[in-house]
Amino acid sequence: MSHILLYIDPGSGSILYQLIIAGSIGAIVSFRNYFTGIKTWLGAKFSSKK
């Protein structure tokens, strides 16, 4: 009979938790900056001021 024992000590759990939170926030900020740049570029391209 094979048993797989998974144990995450508090230090590893803390690092894992921090990695998930920081990755999520980093992805949100990156996407927001990316779409803001696209919006600015499209606004300048299709601006009625010539």
PDB file of N, CA and C in Angstrom:
ATOM      1  N   MET A   1       0.850  -1.175   0.000  1.00  0.00           N
ATOM      2  CA  MET A   1       0.000   0.000   0.000  1.00  0.00           C
ATOM      3  C   MET A   1       0.896   1.238   0.000  1.00  0.00           C
ATOM      4  N   SER A   2       0.651   2.107  -0.936  1.00  0.00           N
ATOM      5  CA  SER A   2       1.473   3.296  -1.090  1.00  0.00           C
ATOM      6  C   SER A   2       0.736   4.517  -0.552  1.00  0.00           C
ATOM      7  N   HIS A   3       1.361   5.216   0.341  1.00  0.00           N
ATOM      8  CA  HIS A   3       0.793   6.440   0.903  1.00  0.00           C
ATOM      9  C   HIS A   3       1.671   7.608   0.501  1.00  0.00           C
ATOM     10  N   ILE A   4       1.050   8.658   0.027  1.00  0.00           N
ATOM     11  CA  ILE A   4       1.792   9.866  -0.299  1.00  0.00           C
ATOM     12  C   ILE A   4       1.508  10.875   0.801  1.00  0.00           C
ATOM     13  N   LEU A   5       2.536  11.241   1.504  1.00  0.00           N
ATOM     14  CA  LEU A   5       2.385  12.192   2.602  1.00  0.00           C
ATOM     15  C   LEU A   5       2.854  13.562   2.116  1.00  0.00           C
ATOM     16  N   LEU A   6       1.975  14.512   2.185  1.00  0.00           N
ATOM     17  CA  LEU A   6       2.316  15.873   1.794  1.00  0.00           C
ATOM     18  C   LEU A   6       2.374  16.729   3.049  1.00  0.00           C
ATOM     19  N   TYR A   7       3.475  17.383   3.220  1.00  0.00           N
ATOM     20  CA  TYR A   7       3.633  18.264   4.376  1.00  0.00           C
ATOM     21  C   TYR A   7       4.278  19.557   3.906  1.00  0.00           C
ATOM     22  N   ILE A   8       3.640  20.641   4.203  1.00  0.00           N
ATOM     23  CA  ILE A   8       4.214  21.955   3.912  1.00  0.00           C
ATOM     24  C   ILE A   8       4.411  22.659   5.245  1.00  0.00           C
ATOM     25  N   ASP A   9       5.655  22.883   5.584  1.00  0.00           N
ATOM     26  CA  ASP A   9       5.925  23.558   6.850  1.00  0.00           C
ATOM     27  C   ASP A   9       5.552  25.036   6.723  1.00  0.00           C
ATOM     28  N   PRO A  10       5.391  25.739   7.835  1.00  0.00           N
ATOM     29  CA  PRO A  10       4.943  27.127   7.801  1.00  0.00           C
ATOM     30  C   PRO A  10       5.822  28.045   6.950  1.00  0.00           C
ATOM     31  N   GLY A  11       7.114  27.831   6.915  1.00  0.00           N
ATOM     32  CA  GLY A  11       7.996  28.669   6.106  1.00  0.00           C
ATOM     33  C   GLY A  11       7.728  28.492   4.617  1.00  0.00           C
ATOM     34  N   SER A  12       7.596  27.241   4.186  1.00  0.00           N
ATOM     35  CA  SER A  12       7.314  26.968   2.768  1.00  0.00           C
ATOM     36  C   SER A  12       5.920  27.439   2.393  1.00  0.00           C
ATOM     37  N   GLY A  13       4.966  27.255   3.274  1.00  0.00           N
ATOM     38  CA  GLY A  13       3.601  27.718   3.015  1.00  0.00           C
ATOM     39  C   GLY A  13       3.538  29.223   2.872  1.00  0.00           C
ATOM     40  N   SER A  14       4.303  29.916   3.689  1.00  0.00           N
ATOM     41  CA  SER A  14       4.348  31.376   3.629  1.00  0.00           C
ATOM     42  C   SER A  14       4.942  31.848   2.306  1.00  0.00           C
ATOM     43  N   ILE A  15       5.997  31.196   1.858  1.00  0.00           N
ATOM     44  CA  ILE A  15       6.629  31.563   0.584  1.00  0.00           C
ATOM     45  C   ILE A  15       5.675  31.271  -0.573  1.00  0.00           C
ATOM     46  N   LEU A  16       4.996  30.147  -0.524  1.00  0.00           N
ATOM     47  CA  LEU A  16       4.034  29.780  -1.565  1.00  0.00           C
ATOM     48  C   LEU A  16       2.892  30.786  -1.613  1.00  0.00           C
ATOM     49  N   TYR A  17       2.374  31.165  -0.464  1.00  0.00           N
ATOM     50  CA  TYR A  17       1.302  32.148  -0.372  1.00  0.00           C
ATOM     51  C   TYR A  17       1.768  33.495  -0.941  1.00  0.00           C
ATOM     52  N   GLN A  18       2.967  33.917  -0.592  1.00  0.00           N
ATOM     53  CA  GLN A  18       3.521  35.183  -1.074  1.00  0.00           C
ATOM     54  C   GLN A  18       3.721  35.142  -2.585  1.00  0.00           C
ATOM     55  N   LEU A  19       4.164  34.011  -3.112  1.00  0.00           N
ATOM     56  CA  LEU A  19       4.360  33.853  -4.554  1.00  0.00           C
ATOM     57  C   LEU A  19       3.047  33.974  -5.309  1.00  0.00           C
ATOM     58  N   ILE A  20       1.998  33.368  -4.799  1.00  0.00           N
ATOM     59  CA  ILE A  20       0.678  33.435  -5.447  1.00  0.00           C
ATOM     60  C   ILE A  20       0.135  34.857  -5.427  1.00  0.00           C
ATOM     61  N   ILE A  21       0.213  35.526  -4.289  1.00  0.00           N
ATOM     62  CA  ILE A  21      -0.298  36.895  -4.170  1.00  0.00           C
ATOM     63  C   ILE A  21       0.510  37.850  -5.053  1.00  0.00           C
ATOM     64  N   ALA A  22       1.828  37.772  -4.993  1.00  0.00           N
ATOM     65  CA  ALA A  22       2.674  38.676  -5.782  1.00  0.00           C
ATOM     66  C   ALA A  22       2.505  38.426  -7.280  1.00  0.00           C
ATOM     67  N   GLY A  23       2.367  37.174  -7.678  1.00  0.00           N
ATOM     68  CA  GLY A  23       2.151  36.852  -9.083  1.00  0.00           C
ATOM     69  C   GLY A  23       0.829  37.391  -9.580  1.00  0.00           C
ATOM     70  N   SER A  24      -0.211  37.272  -8.764  1.00  0.00           N
ATOM     71  CA  SER A  24      -1.525  37.783  -9.150  1.00  0.00           C
ATOM     72  C   SER A  24      -1.503  39.300  -9.303  1.00  0.00           C
ATOM     73  N   ILE A  25      -0.930  39.980  -8.345  1.00  0.00           N
ATOM     74  CA  ILE A  25      -0.860  41.442  -8.409  1.00  0.00           C
ATOM     75  C   ILE A  25       0.008  41.885  -9.587  1.00  0.00           C
ATOM     76  N   GLY A  26       1.110  41.209  -9.817  1.00  0.00           N
ATOM     77  CA  GLY A  26       1.973  41.537 -10.948  1.00  0.00           C
ATOM     78  C   GLY A  26       1.263  41.356 -12.280  1.00  0.00           C
ATOM     79  N   ALA A  27       0.483  40.283 -12.411  1.00  0.00           N
ATOM     80  CA  ALA A  27      -0.259  40.046 -13.651  1.00  0.00           C
ATOM     81  C   ALA A  27      -1.320  41.120 -13.866  1.00  0.00           C
ATOM     82  N   ILE A  28      -2.012  41.508 -12.812  1.00  0.00           N
ATOM     83  CA  ILE A  28      -3.045  42.548 -12.920  1.00  0.00           C
ATOM     84  C   ILE A  28      -2.419  43.874 -13.359  1.00  0.00           C
ATOM     85  N   VAL A  29      -1.317  44.253 -12.742  1.00  0.00           N
ATOM     86  CA  VAL A  29      -0.653  45.515 -13.092  1.00  0.00           C
ATOM     87  C   VAL A  29      -0.128  45.473 -14.528  1.00  0.00           C
ATOM     88  N   SER A  30       0.444  44.338 -14.932  1.00  0.00           N
ATOM     89  CA  SER A  30       0.963  44.216 -16.300  1.00  0.00           C
ATOM     90  C   SER A  30      -0.143  44.343 -17.327  1.00  0.00           C
ATOM     91  N   PHE A  31      -1.249  43.636 -17.122  1.00  0.00           N
ATOM     92  CA  PHE A  31      -2.363  43.718 -18.062  1.00  0.00           C
ATOM     93  C   PHE A  31      -2.956  45.113 -18.101  1.00  0.00           C
ATOM     94  N   ARG A  32      -3.047  45.768 -16.945  1.00  0.00           N
ATOM     95  CA  ARG A  32      -3.598  47.119 -16.902  1.00  0.00           C
ATOM     96  C   ARG A  32      -2.705  48.087 -17.685  1.00  0.00           C
ATOM     97  N   ASN A  33      -1.394  47.972 -17.502  1.00  0.00           N
ATOM     98  CA  ASN A  33      -0.477  48.835 -18.248  1.00  0.00           C
ATOM     99  C   ASN A  33      -0.532  48.544 -19.739  1.00  0.00           C
ATOM    100  N   TYR A  34      -0.638  47.288 -20.109  1.00  0.00           N
ATOM    101  CA  TYR A  34      -0.708  46.893 -21.510  1.00  0.00           C
ATOM    102  C   TYR A  34      -1.959  47.482 -22.172  1.00  0.00           C
ATOM    103  N   PHE A  35      -3.107  47.320 -21.539  1.00  0.00           N
ATOM    104  CA  PHE A  35      -4.341  47.815 -22.127  1.00  0.00           C
ATOM    105  C   PHE A  35      -4.436  49.337 -22.091  1.00  0.00           C
ATOM    106  N   THR A  36      -3.824  49.969 -21.117  1.00  0.00           N
ATOM    107  CA  THR A  36      -3.771  51.438 -21.095  1.00  0.00           C
ATOM    108  C   THR A  36      -2.934  51.940 -22.266  1.00  0.00           C
ATOM    109  N   GLY A  37      -1.843  51.266 -22.564  1.00  0.00           N
ATOM    110  CA  GLY A  37      -1.014  51.641 -23.702  1.00  0.00           C
ATOM    111  C   GLY A  37      -1.759  51.478 -25.019  1.00  0.00           C
ATOM    112  N   ILE A  38      -2.507  50.390 -25.157  1.00  0.00           N
ATOM    113  CA  ILE A  38      -3.299  50.179 -26.375  1.00  0.00           C
ATOM    114  C   ILE A  38      -4.369  51.256 -26.498  1.00  0.00           C
ATOM    115  N   LYS A  39      -5.028  51.559 -25.400  1.00  0.00           N
ATOM    116  CA  LYS A  39      -6.078  52.579 -25.421  1.00  0.00           C
ATOM    117  C   LYS A  39      -5.510  53.949 -25.791  1.00  0.00           C
ATOM    118  N   THR A  40      -4.356  54.281 -25.261  1.00  0.00           N
ATOM    119  CA  THR A  40      -3.711  55.553 -25.577  1.00  0.00           C
ATOM    120  C   THR A  40      -3.309  55.594 -27.050  1.00  0.00           C
ATOM    121  N   TRP A  41      -2.736  54.504 -27.549  1.00  0.00           N
ATOM    122  CA  TRP A  41      -2.306  54.440 -28.949  1.00  0.00           C
ATOM    123  C   TRP A  41      -3.499  54.560 -29.891  1.00  0.00           C
ATOM    124  N   LEU A  42      -4.591  53.849 -29.585  1.00  0.00           N
ATOM    125  CA  LEU A  42      -5.783  53.928 -30.427  1.00  0.00           C
ATOM    126  C   LEU A  42      -6.414  55.317 -30.347  1.00  0.00           C
ATOM    127  N   GLY A  43      -6.392  55.916 -29.168  1.00  0.00           N
ATOM    128  CA  GLY A  43      -6.939  57.272 -29.008  1.00  0.00           C
ATOM    129  C   GLY A  43      -6.170  58.273 -29.846  1.00  0.00           C
ATOM    130  N   ALA A  44      -4.850  58.130 -29.901  1.00  0.00           N
ATOM    131  CA  ALA A  44      -4.035  59.044 -30.696  1.00  0.00           C
ATOM    132  C   ALA A  44      -4.219  58.772 -32.177  1.00  0.00           C
ATOM    133  N   LYS A  45      -4.399  57.515 -32.550  1.00  0.00           N
ATOM    134  CA  LYS A  45      -4.532  57.158 -33.964  1.00  0.00           C
ATOM    135  C   LYS A  45      -5.855  57.599 -34.545  1.00  0.00           C
ATOM    136  N   PHE A  46      -6.911  57.481 -33.764  1.00  0.00           N
ATOM    137  CA  PHE A  46      -8.250  57.809 -34.258  1.00  0.00           C
ATOM    138  C   PHE A  46      -8.771  59.144 -33.731  1.00  0.00           C
ATOM    139  N   SER A  47      -7.869  59.974 -33.259  1.00  0.00           N
ATOM    140  CA  SER A  47      -8.260  61.284 -32.745  1.00  0.00           C
ATOM    141  C   SER A  47      -8.769  62.146 -33.905  1.00  0.00           C
ATOM    142  N   SER A  48      -9.782  62.942 -33.622  1.00  0.00           N
ATOM    143  CA  SER A  48     -10.352  63.787 -34.675  1.00  0.00           C
ATOM    144  C   SER A  48      -9.521  65.055 -34.882  1.00  0.00           C
ATOM    145  N   LYS A  49      -8.536  65.300 -34.042  1.00  0.00           N
ATOM    146  CA  LYS A  49      -7.660  66.468 -34.198  1.00  0.00           C
ATOM    147  C   LYS A  49      -6.611  66.167 -35.258  1.00  0.00           C
ATOM    148  N   LYS A  50      -6.610  66.959 -36.310  1.00  0.00           N
ATOM    149  CA  LYS A  50      -5.609  66.744 -37.373  1.00  0.00           C
ATOM    150  C   LYS A  50      -4.926  68.038 -37.723  1.00  0.00           C
TER     151      LYS A  50
END
